[in-house]
Amino acid sequence: MIVVTGATGNIGRPLVAALAEAGEEVVAVSRSARPEGLPAGVRAARAELGDFASMKPVLEGADAFFILLAGELNGPGEPAVNLLDIAKEGGVKRVVLVSSQLAGTRTDTPSHDRLREFEAAVRGSGLEYTILRPGGFASNAFAWAESVRTGRTVFAPFGDVALPVVDPADIADVAAVALREDGHSGRTYVLTGPEAVGPRQQVAQLSEVLGEEVTYVELTREQAAEAMSSFMPEAVVEGTLDVLGAPLAVEQEVSPDVEKVLGRPARPFGAWVARSLPAFA
């Protein structure tokens, strides 16, 4: 039995589908009593990853555990080792954790302290573990959906600063392999797309797939910070803009790990756009 947290998100949903298609017994954990769109045979469980006690009955009898922290779960909370102890008590033998590339490249960023804590807890748990460190997500472009739908315009900073954004479906596919197959224990995989693309290039690809011109309007850092501060803490805003505007060389490199694990190239940004087109149409 494989327990998947964040089961209704950009990574969790395709991961649950991939595991179910492979014939695995899957428990999809979310805050909803019965999320829509789960594959047949998948059991839904309502629990809060931020409330470790609620995970105890869910993990009972599980063989593998997929951990995805999101949103407010990246902030301070109960010691991460406590969750790993609960998992071991429940019978879990294998854990896959989604962390972030920045946990390794920017070790002093407060916004990733919780992920680093979880990485340390997983490594010290005595369980088989795999840590996934994705770079920026292609799906962050969903933030442009409304302005594209209503005005065929994208507002974003740093138009020509390129990063190899990763398709969340590739993260899910790598996670499915690590959860099901041997040979990945103790590994940390950096997951990126197959090429670095900046916002201006991304908008051009969006225009091509959409079949209509989408105008790119470049924001200043200050304008971008003001817009992001409506839904992000200030420290996270500044850290995000540092990466988007002045990435380290290693953060602009294409990692071979997706292809190494899956035996195929990572999906390009245009493939993600084509699959996600209804959000922009």
C-alpha atoms as a PDB file:
ATOM      1  CA  MET A   1       0.000   0.000   0.000  1.00  0.00           C
ATOM      2  CA  ILE A   2       1.302   3.439  -0.974  1.00  0.00           C
ATOM      3  CA  VAL A   3       0.115   6.577   0.846  1.00  0.00           C
ATOM      4  CA  VAL A   4       0.229   9.774  -1.223  1.00  0.00           C
ATOM      5  CA  THR A   5      -0.115  13.178   0.427  1.00  0.00           C
ATOM      6  CA  GLY A   6      -1.048  16.237  -1.624  1.00  0.00           C
ATOM      7  CA  ALA A   7      -3.062  13.836  -3.756  1.00  0.00           C
ATOM      8  CA  THR A   8      -5.173  16.482  -5.505  1.00  0.00           C
ATOM      9  CA  GLY A   9      -2.320  18.816  -6.537  1.00  0.00           C
ATOM     10  CA  ASN A  10      -0.164  19.265  -9.626  1.00  0.00           C
ATOM     11  CA  ILE A  11       2.144  16.412  -8.584  1.00  0.00           C
ATOM     12  CA  GLY A  12      -0.149  14.254  -6.471  1.00  0.00           C
ATOM     13  CA  ARG A  13      -2.936  13.839  -9.005  1.00  0.00           C
ATOM     14  CA  PRO A  14      -0.761  12.394 -11.815  1.00  0.00           C
ATOM     15  CA  LEU A  15       1.189  10.357  -9.258  1.00  0.00           C
ATOM     16  CA  VAL A  16      -1.972   8.712  -7.931  1.00  0.00           C
ATOM     17  CA  ALA A  17      -3.054   7.987 -11.509  1.00  0.00           C
ATOM     18  CA  ALA A  18       0.327   6.466 -12.416  1.00  0.00           C
ATOM     19  CA  LEU A  19       0.396   4.250  -9.330  1.00  0.00           C
ATOM     20  CA  ALA A  20      -3.188   3.097  -9.839  1.00  0.00           C
ATOM     21  CA  GLU A  21      -2.488   2.301 -13.490  1.00  0.00           C
ATOM     22  CA  ALA A  22       0.483   0.200 -12.363  1.00  0.00           C
ATOM     23  CA  GLY A  23      -1.863  -1.835 -10.173  1.00  0.00           C
ATOM     24  CA  GLU A  24      -0.743  -0.474  -6.806  1.00  0.00           C
ATOM     25  CA  GLU A  25      -3.025  -0.137  -3.805  1.00  0.00           C
ATOM     26  CA  VAL A  26      -3.128   3.640  -3.280  1.00  0.00           C
ATOM     27  CA  VAL A  27      -4.426   5.829  -0.470  1.00  0.00           C
ATOM     28  CA  ALA A  28      -4.921   9.418  -1.650  1.00  0.00           C
ATOM     29  CA  VAL A  29      -4.620  11.854   1.253  1.00  0.00           C
ATOM     30  CA  SER A  30      -6.222  15.288   1.054  1.00  0.00           C
ATOM     31  CA  ARG A  31      -8.299  17.701   3.072  1.00  0.00           C
ATOM     32  CA  SER A  32     -11.419  16.721   1.126  1.00  0.00           C
ATOM     33  CA  ALA A  33     -13.627  13.862   2.255  1.00  0.00           C
ATOM     34  CA  ARG A  34     -13.826  12.510  -1.298  1.00  0.00           C
ATOM     35  CA  PRO A  35     -11.802  14.383  -3.921  1.00  0.00           C
ATOM     36  CA  GLU A  36     -13.194  14.367  -7.437  1.00  0.00           C
ATOM     37  CA  GLY A  37     -11.467  12.549 -10.263  1.00  0.00           C
ATOM     38  CA  LEU A  38      -9.682   9.801  -8.355  1.00  0.00           C
ATOM     39  CA  PRO A  39      -9.080   6.655 -10.401  1.00  0.00           C
ATOM     40  CA  ALA A  40     -11.240   3.634  -9.692  1.00  0.00           C
ATOM     41  CA  GLY A  41      -9.963   1.566  -6.800  1.00  0.00           C
ATOM     42  CA  VAL A  42      -8.052   4.406  -5.118  1.00  0.00           C
ATOM     43  CA  ARG A  43      -9.031   4.910  -1.496  1.00  0.00           C
ATOM     44  CA  ALA A  44      -9.449   8.506  -0.323  1.00  0.00           C
ATOM     45  CA  ALA A  45      -8.360   9.499   3.182  1.00  0.00           C
ATOM     46  CA  ARG A  46      -9.042  12.810   4.843  1.00  0.00           C
ATOM     47  CA  ALA A  47      -6.085  13.981   6.921  1.00  0.00           C
ATOM     48  CA  GLU A  48      -3.858  16.995   7.514  1.00  0.00           C
ATOM     49  CA  LEU A  49      -0.147  16.545   6.899  1.00  0.00           C
ATOM     50  CA  GLY A  50       0.349  19.479   9.280  1.00  0.00           C
ATOM     51  CA  ASP A  51      -1.395  17.422  11.980  1.00  0.00           C
ATOM     52  CA  PHE A  52       0.790  14.351  12.342  1.00  0.00           C
ATOM     53  CA  ALA A  53      -1.688  12.580  14.640  1.00  0.00           C
ATOM     54  CA  SER A  54      -4.257  12.571  11.829  1.00  0.00           C
ATOM     55  CA  MET A  55      -1.790  10.675   9.639  1.00  0.00           C
ATOM     56  CA  LYS A  56      -1.392   7.778  12.075  1.00  0.00           C
ATOM     57  CA  PRO A  57      -4.465   5.733  11.008  1.00  0.00           C
ATOM     58  CA  VAL A  58      -3.764   6.522   7.342  1.00  0.00           C
ATOM     59  CA  LEU A  59      -0.221   5.118   7.534  1.00  0.00           C
ATOM     60  CA  GLU A  60      -1.217   1.930   9.368  1.00  0.00           C
ATOM     61  CA  GLY A  61      -0.254  -0.979   7.136  1.00  0.00           C
ATOM     62  CA  ALA A  62       1.423   1.172   4.468  1.00  0.00           C
ATOM     63  CA  ASP A  63       4.554   0.018   2.670  1.00  0.00           C
ATOM     64  CA  ALA A  64       5.546   3.339   1.088  1.00  0.00           C
ATOM     65  CA  PHE A  65       4.872   7.005   1.838  1.00  0.00           C
ATOM     66  CA  PHE A  66       5.003  10.022  -0.475  1.00  0.00           C
ATOM     67  CA  ILE A  67       5.537  13.302   1.417  1.00  0.00           C
ATOM     68  CA  LEU A  68       4.669  16.611  -0.212  1.00  0.00           C
ATOM     69  CA  LEU A  69       4.715  19.803   1.818  1.00  0.00           C
ATOM     70  CA  ALA A  70       2.837  22.723   0.309  1.00  0.00           C
ATOM     71  CA  GLY A  71       1.827  26.234   1.228  1.00  0.00           C
ATOM     72  CA  GLU A  72       1.664  26.841   4.939  1.00  0.00           C
ATOM     73  CA  LEU A  73       3.127  23.372   5.613  1.00  0.00           C
ATOM     74  CA  ASN A  74       6.513  24.807   4.679  1.00  0.00           C
ATOM     75  CA  GLY A  75       6.391  26.921   7.829  1.00  0.00           C
ATOM     76  CA  PRO A  76       7.321  25.907  11.388  1.00  0.00           C
ATOM     77  CA  GLY A  77       5.537  22.912  12.837  1.00  0.00           C
ATOM     78  CA  GLU A  78       5.868  19.739  14.841  1.00  0.00           C
ATOM     79  CA  PRO A  79       9.338  18.178  14.556  1.00  0.00           C
ATOM     80  CA  ALA A  80       9.616  16.355  11.235  1.00  0.00           C
ATOM     81  CA  VAL A  81      11.157  13.303  12.911  1.00  0.00           C
ATOM     82  CA  ASN A  82       7.810  12.687  14.644  1.00  0.00           C
ATOM     83  CA  LEU A  83       6.089  12.047  11.309  1.00  0.00           C
ATOM     84  CA  LEU A  84       8.808   9.613  10.265  1.00  0.00           C
ATOM     85  CA  ASP A  85       8.415   7.796  13.585  1.00  0.00           C
ATOM     86  CA  ILE A  86       4.672   7.449  12.959  1.00  0.00           C
ATOM     87  CA  ALA A  87       5.388   6.125   9.480  1.00  0.00           C
ATOM     88  CA  LYS A  88       7.806   3.503  10.817  1.00  0.00           C
ATOM     89  CA  GLU A  89       5.322   2.436  13.497  1.00  0.00           C
ATOM     90  CA  GLY A  90       2.722   1.970  10.770  1.00  0.00           C
ATOM     91  CA  GLY A  91       4.989  -0.367   8.828  1.00  0.00           C
ATOM     92  CA  VAL A  92       6.333   1.993   6.172  1.00  0.00           C
ATOM     93  CA  LYS A  93       9.602   0.817   4.624  1.00  0.00           C
ATOM     94  CA  ARG A  94      10.123   3.390   1.857  1.00  0.00           C
ATOM     95  CA  VAL A  95       9.697   7.188   1.751  1.00  0.00           C
ATOM     96  CA  VAL A  96       9.863   9.645  -1.127  1.00  0.00           C
ATOM     97  CA  LEU A  97      10.074  13.327  -0.178  1.00  0.00           C
ATOM     98  CA  VAL A  98       9.548  16.272  -2.511  1.00  0.00           C
ATOM     99  CA  SER A  99      11.949  18.993  -1.427  1.00  0.00           C
ATOM    100  CA  SER A 100      13.350  21.799  -3.602  1.00  0.00           C
ATOM    101  CA  GLN A 101      16.494  22.452  -5.594  1.00  0.00           C
ATOM    102  CA  LEU A 102      16.950  25.576  -3.468  1.00  0.00           C
ATOM    103  CA  ALA A 103      17.358  23.417  -0.360  1.00  0.00           C
ATOM    104  CA  GLY A 104      20.721  22.498  -1.839  1.00  0.00           C
ATOM    105  CA  THR A 105      21.727  25.626  -3.738  1.00  0.00           C
ATOM    106  CA  ARG A 106      20.682  28.299  -1.219  1.00  0.00           C
ATOM    107  CA  THR A 107      21.243  26.767   2.166  1.00  0.00           C
ATOM    108  CA  ASP A 108      20.687  29.998   4.080  1.00  0.00           C
ATOM    109  CA  THR A 109      17.182  30.823   2.779  1.00  0.00           C
ATOM    110  CA  PRO A 110      14.703  30.805   5.705  1.00  0.00           C
ATOM    111  CA  SER A 111      11.841  29.920   3.340  1.00  0.00           C
ATOM    112  CA  HIS A 112      13.335  26.429   2.845  1.00  0.00           C
ATOM    113  CA  ASP A 113      14.272  25.670   6.449  1.00  0.00           C
ATOM    114  CA  ARG A 114      11.302  23.315   6.865  1.00  0.00           C
ATOM    115  CA  LEU A 115      12.223  21.349   3.758  1.00  0.00           C
ATOM    116  CA  ARG A 116      15.799  21.012   4.980  1.00  0.00           C
ATOM    117  CA  GLU A 117      14.462  19.777   8.320  1.00  0.00           C
ATOM    118  CA  PHE A 118      12.384  17.134   6.538  1.00  0.00           C
ATOM    119  CA  GLU A 119      15.348  16.108   4.401  1.00  0.00           C
ATOM    120  CA  ALA A 120      17.424  15.546   7.540  1.00  0.00           C
ATOM    121  CA  ALA A 121      14.596  13.615   9.201  1.00  0.00           C
ATOM    122  CA  VAL A 122      14.155  11.368   6.169  1.00  0.00           C
ATOM    123  CA  ARG A 123      17.887  10.692   5.908  1.00  0.00           C
ATOM    124  CA  GLY A 124      18.083   9.819   9.588  1.00  0.00           C
ATOM    125  CA  SER A 125      14.915   7.738   9.698  1.00  0.00           C
ATOM    126  CA  GLY A 126      16.494   4.366   8.924  1.00  0.00           C
ATOM    127  CA  LEU A 127      13.961   3.890   6.102  1.00  0.00           C
ATOM    128  CA  GLU A 128      14.699   3.514   2.416  1.00  0.00           C
ATOM    129  CA  TYR A 129      14.381   7.047   1.097  1.00  0.00           C
ATOM    130  CA  THR A 130      14.575   9.130  -2.047  1.00  0.00           C
ATOM    131  CA  ILE A 131      14.639  12.925  -2.046  1.00  0.00           C
ATOM    132  CA  LEU A 132      13.392  14.833  -5.067  1.00  0.00           C
ATOM    133  CA  ARG A 133      14.661  18.385  -5.537  1.00  0.00           C
ATOM    134  CA  PRO A 134      12.705  19.977  -8.399  1.00  0.00           C
ATOM    135  CA  GLY A 135      13.568  23.390  -9.788  1.00  0.00           C
ATOM    136  CA  GLY A 136      10.870  25.893 -10.732  1.00  0.00           C
ATOM    137  CA  PHE A 137       7.568  24.380 -11.859  1.00  0.00           C
ATOM    138  CA  ALA A 138       6.179  24.874 -15.366  1.00  0.00           C
ATOM    139  CA  SER A 139       2.793  25.053 -13.649  1.00  0.00           C
ATOM    140  CA  ASN A 140       3.738  28.355 -12.010  1.00  0.00           C
ATOM    141  CA  ALA A 141       2.546  29.781 -15.347  1.00  0.00           C
ATOM    142  CA  PHE A 142      -1.005  29.104 -14.152  1.00  0.00           C
ATOM    143  CA  ALA A 143      -0.580  32.479 -12.397  1.00  0.00           C
ATOM    144  CA  TRP A 144      -0.895  34.031 -15.868  1.00  0.00           C
ATOM    145  CA  ALA A 145      -4.101  32.232 -16.782  1.00  0.00           C
ATOM    146  CA  GLU A 146      -6.599  34.964 -15.928  1.00  0.00           C
ATOM    147  CA  SER A 147      -4.719  37.760 -17.694  1.00  0.00           C
ATOM    148  CA  VAL A 148      -4.265  35.531 -20.743  1.00  0.00           C
ATOM    149  CA  ARG A 149      -7.947  34.592 -20.841  1.00  0.00           C
ATOM    150  CA  THR A 150      -9.196  38.131 -20.360  1.00  0.00           C
ATOM    151  CA  GLY A 151      -6.597  40.199 -22.203  1.00  0.00           C
ATOM    152  CA  ARG A 152      -4.116  37.880 -23.948  1.00  0.00           C
ATOM    153  CA  THR A 153      -1.389  39.504 -21.831  1.00  0.00           C
ATOM    154  CA  VAL A 154       1.234  38.232 -19.399  1.00  0.00           C
ATOM    155  CA  PHE A 155       2.814  40.460 -16.754  1.00  0.00           C
ATOM    156  CA  ALA A 156       6.072  39.093 -15.326  1.00  0.00           C
ATOM    157  CA  PRO A 157       9.587  40.276 -14.395  1.00  0.00           C
ATOM    158  CA  PHE A 158      12.994  39.244 -15.763  1.00  0.00           C
ATOM    159  CA  GLY A 159      11.791  38.418 -19.264  1.00  0.00           C
ATOM    160  CA  ASP A 160      15.075  37.045 -20.563  1.00  0.00           C
ATOM    161  CA  VAL A 161      16.353  35.231 -17.475  1.00  0.00           C
ATOM    162  CA  ALA A 162      16.016  31.549 -18.325  1.00  0.00           C
ATOM    163  CA  LEU A 163      15.455  28.616 -15.970  1.00  0.00           C
ATOM    164  CA  PRO A 164      14.838  24.936 -16.857  1.00  0.00           C
ATOM    165  CA  VAL A 165      11.332  24.688 -15.389  1.00  0.00           C
ATOM    166  CA  VAL A 166      10.079  21.164 -14.762  1.00  0.00           C
ATOM    167  CA  ASP A 167       6.706  19.668 -15.630  1.00  0.00           C
ATOM    168  CA  PRO A 168       5.009  18.444 -12.423  1.00  0.00           C
ATOM    169  CA  ALA A 169       3.995  15.311 -14.310  1.00  0.00           C
ATOM    170  CA  ASP A 170       7.689  14.439 -14.629  1.00  0.00           C
ATOM    171  CA  ILE A 171       8.105  14.846 -10.882  1.00  0.00           C
ATOM    172  CA  ALA A 172       5.157  12.484 -10.437  1.00  0.00           C
ATOM    173  CA  ASP A 173       6.627   9.932 -12.844  1.00  0.00           C
ATOM    174  CA  VAL A 174       9.991   9.958 -11.052  1.00  0.00           C
ATOM    175  CA  ALA A 175       8.223   9.629  -7.697  1.00  0.00           C
ATOM    176  CA  ALA A 176       6.221   6.650  -8.969  1.00  0.00           C
ATOM    177  CA  VAL A 177       9.420   4.862  -9.979  1.00  0.00           C
ATOM    178  CA  ALA A 178      11.139   5.623  -6.665  1.00  0.00           C
ATOM    179  CA  LEU A 179       8.099   4.430  -4.697  1.00  0.00           C
ATOM    180  CA  ARG A 180       7.725   1.165  -6.633  1.00  0.00           C
ATOM    181  CA  GLU A 181      11.208   0.103  -7.732  1.00  0.00           C
ATOM    182  CA  ASP A 182      14.475  -0.748  -6.033  1.00  0.00           C
ATOM    183  CA  GLY A 183      17.707   1.068  -6.787  1.00  0.00           C
ATOM    184  CA  HIS A 184      16.768   4.579  -5.669  1.00  0.00           C
ATOM    185  CA  SER A 185      17.334   4.365  -1.934  1.00  0.00           C
ATOM    186  CA  GLY A 186      19.626   7.053  -0.564  1.00  0.00           C
ATOM    187  CA  ARG A 187      19.467   9.045  -3.802  1.00  0.00           C
ATOM    188  CA  THR A 188      18.746  12.763  -4.169  1.00  0.00           C
ATOM    189  CA  TYR A 189      17.510  13.693  -7.630  1.00  0.00           C
ATOM    190  CA  VAL A 190      17.487  17.246  -9.010  1.00  0.00           C
ATOM    191  CA  LEU A 191      14.567  17.494 -11.432  1.00  0.00           C
ATOM    192  CA  THR A 192      14.430  20.078 -14.226  1.00  0.00           C
ATOM    193  CA  GLY A 193      13.017  20.473 -17.701  1.00  0.00           C
ATOM    194  CA  PRO A 194      15.096  19.778 -20.832  1.00  0.00           C
ATOM    195  CA  GLU A 195      16.001  23.416 -21.554  1.00  0.00           C
ATOM    196  CA  ALA A 196      16.180  26.789 -19.834  1.00  0.00           C
ATOM    197  CA  VAL A 197      13.399  29.146 -20.931  1.00  0.00           C
ATOM    198  CA  GLY A 198      12.662  32.671 -19.736  1.00  0.00           C
ATOM    199  CA  PRO A 199       9.227  34.292 -19.395  1.00  0.00           C
ATOM    200  CA  ARG A 200       9.454  35.910 -22.819  1.00  0.00           C
ATOM    201  CA  GLN A 201      10.140  32.508 -24.430  1.00  0.00           C
ATOM    202  CA  GLN A 202       7.403  30.896 -22.378  1.00  0.00           C
ATOM    203  CA  VAL A 203       4.883  33.471 -23.566  1.00  0.00           C
ATOM    204  CA  ALA A 204       5.967  32.919 -27.168  1.00  0.00           C
ATOM    205  CA  GLN A 205       5.362  29.189 -26.757  1.00  0.00           C
ATOM    206  CA  LEU A 206       2.011  29.888 -25.127  1.00  0.00           C
ATOM    207  CA  SER A 207       1.055  32.073 -28.117  1.00  0.00           C
ATOM    208  CA  GLU A 208       2.051  29.319 -30.524  1.00  0.00           C
ATOM    209  CA  VAL A 209       0.039  26.621 -28.803  1.00  0.00           C
ATOM    210  CA  LEU A 210      -2.929  28.926 -28.246  1.00  0.00           C
ATOM    211  CA  GLY A 211      -2.880  30.076 -31.862  1.00  0.00           C
ATOM    212  CA  GLU A 212      -3.253  33.695 -30.792  1.00  0.00           C
ATOM    213  CA  GLU A 213      -0.793  36.454 -29.949  1.00  0.00           C
ATOM    214  CA  VAL A 214      -0.152  36.886 -26.238  1.00  0.00           C
ATOM    215  CA  THR A 215       1.620  40.105 -25.292  1.00  0.00           C
ATOM    216  CA  TYR A 216       4.434  39.991 -22.758  1.00  0.00           C
ATOM    217  CA  VAL A 217       4.737  43.018 -20.439  1.00  0.00           C
ATOM    218  CA  GLU A 218       7.894  43.062 -18.348  1.00  0.00           C
ATOM    219  CA  LEU A 219       7.468  44.152 -14.736  1.00  0.00           C
ATOM    220  CA  THR A 220      10.169  45.755 -12.647  1.00  0.00           C
ATOM    221  CA  ARG A 221      11.288  43.852  -9.572  1.00  0.00           C
ATOM    222  CA  GLU A 222       9.385  46.349  -7.417  1.00  0.00           C
ATOM    223  CA  GLN A 223       6.172  45.891  -9.394  1.00  0.00           C
ATOM    224  CA  ALA A 224       6.491  42.125  -9.217  1.00  0.00           C
ATOM    225  CA  ALA A 225       7.132  42.254  -5.463  1.00  0.00           C
ATOM    226  CA  GLU A 226       4.019  44.350  -4.926  1.00  0.00           C
ATOM    227  CA  ALA A 227       1.877  41.893  -6.878  1.00  0.00           C
ATOM    228  CA  MET A 228       3.329  38.811  -5.161  1.00  0.00           C
ATOM    229  CA  SER A 229       3.027  40.270  -1.664  1.00  0.00           C
ATOM    230  CA  SER A 230      -0.747  39.837  -1.849  1.00  0.00           C
ATOM    231  CA  PHE A 231      -0.344  36.055  -1.534  1.00  0.00           C
ATOM    232  CA  MET A 232       3.234  35.466  -0.276  1.00  0.00           C
ATOM    233  CA  PRO A 233       5.121  36.441   2.891  1.00  0.00           C
ATOM    234  CA  GLU A 234       7.714  39.162   2.273  1.00  0.00           C
ATOM    235  CA  ALA A 235      10.699  36.862   2.882  1.00  0.00           C
ATOM    236  CA  VAL A 236       9.372  34.366   0.355  1.00  0.00           C
ATOM    237  CA  VAL A 237       8.705  37.133  -2.183  1.00  0.00           C
ATOM    238  CA  GLU A 238      12.253  38.441  -1.969  1.00  0.00           C
ATOM    239  CA  GLY A 239      13.778  34.969  -2.098  1.00  0.00           C
ATOM    240  CA  THR A 240      11.673  34.034  -5.115  1.00  0.00           C
ATOM    241  CA  LEU A 241      12.634  37.198  -6.966  1.00  0.00           C
ATOM    242  CA  ASP A 242      16.303  36.575  -6.179  1.00  0.00           C
ATOM    243  CA  VAL A 243      16.081  33.206  -7.918  1.00  0.00           C
ATOM    244  CA  LEU A 244      14.020  34.473 -10.862  1.00  0.00           C
ATOM    245  CA  GLY A 245      16.174  37.537 -11.420  1.00  0.00           C
ATOM    246  CA  ALA A 246      19.656  36.405 -10.440  1.00  0.00           C
ATOM    247  CA  PRO A 247      19.793  32.591 -10.510  1.00  0.00           C
ATOM    248  CA  LEU A 248      23.002  30.821  -9.657  1.00  0.00           C
ATOM    249  CA  ALA A 249      24.704  29.082 -12.560  1.00  0.00           C
ATOM    250  CA  VAL A 250      23.770  25.676 -11.142  1.00  0.00           C
ATOM    251  CA  GLU A 251      20.101  26.716 -11.030  1.00  0.00           C
ATOM    252  CA  GLN A 252      20.184  27.377 -14.787  1.00  0.00           C
ATOM    253  CA  GLU A 253      21.713  24.004 -15.628  1.00  0.00           C
ATOM    254  CA  VAL A 254      19.639  21.181 -17.064  1.00  0.00           C
ATOM    255  CA  SER A 255      19.813  18.151 -14.781  1.00  0.00           C
ATOM    256  CA  PRO A 256      20.022  14.663 -16.344  1.00  0.00           C
ATOM    257  CA  ASP A 257      18.104  13.040 -13.492  1.00  0.00           C
ATOM    258  CA  VAL A 258      14.620  12.877 -15.061  1.00  0.00           C
ATOM    259  CA  GLU A 259      16.012  11.049 -18.086  1.00  0.00           C
ATOM    260  CA  LYS A 260      18.290   8.926 -15.890  1.00  0.00           C
ATOM    261  CA  VAL A 261      15.336   7.626 -13.861  1.00  0.00           C
ATOM    262  CA  LEU A 262      12.658   7.444 -16.563  1.00  0.00           C
ATOM    263  CA  GLY A 263      14.733   6.513 -19.601  1.00  0.00           C
ATOM    264  CA  ARG A 264      13.209   9.350 -21.625  1.00  0.00           C
ATOM    265  CA  PRO A 265      13.828  13.101 -21.882  1.00  0.00           C
ATOM    266  CA  ALA A 266      12.052  15.499 -19.568  1.00  0.00           C
ATOM    267  CA  ARG A 267       8.930  17.113 -21.017  1.00  0.00           C
ATOM    268  CA  PRO A 268       9.476  20.613 -22.469  1.00  0.00           C
ATOM    269  CA  PHE A 269       7.508  23.664 -21.360  1.00  0.00           C
ATOM    270  CA  GLY A 270       5.475  23.600 -24.586  1.00  0.00           C
ATOM    271  CA  ALA A 271       4.183  20.114 -23.777  1.00  0.00           C
ATOM    272  CA  TRP A 272       2.946  21.329 -20.404  1.00  0.00           C
ATOM    273  CA  VAL A 273       1.204  24.273 -22.107  1.00  0.00           C
ATOM    274  CA  ALA A 274      -0.494  22.009 -24.634  1.00  0.00           C
ATOM    275  CA  ARG A 275      -1.816  19.769 -21.848  1.00  0.00           C
ATOM    276  CA  SER A 276      -2.922  22.772 -19.751  1.00  0.00           C
ATOM    277  CA  LEU A 277      -4.388  24.855 -22.583  1.00  0.00           C
ATOM    278  CA  PRO A 278      -8.005  24.964 -21.292  1.00  0.00           C
ATOM    279  CA  ALA A 279      -6.827  27.150 -18.390  1.00  0.00           C
ATOM    280  CA  PHE A 280      -5.614  29.810 -20.853  1.00  0.00           C
ATOM    281  CA  ALA A 281      -8.210  29.592 -23.628  1.00  0.00           C
END
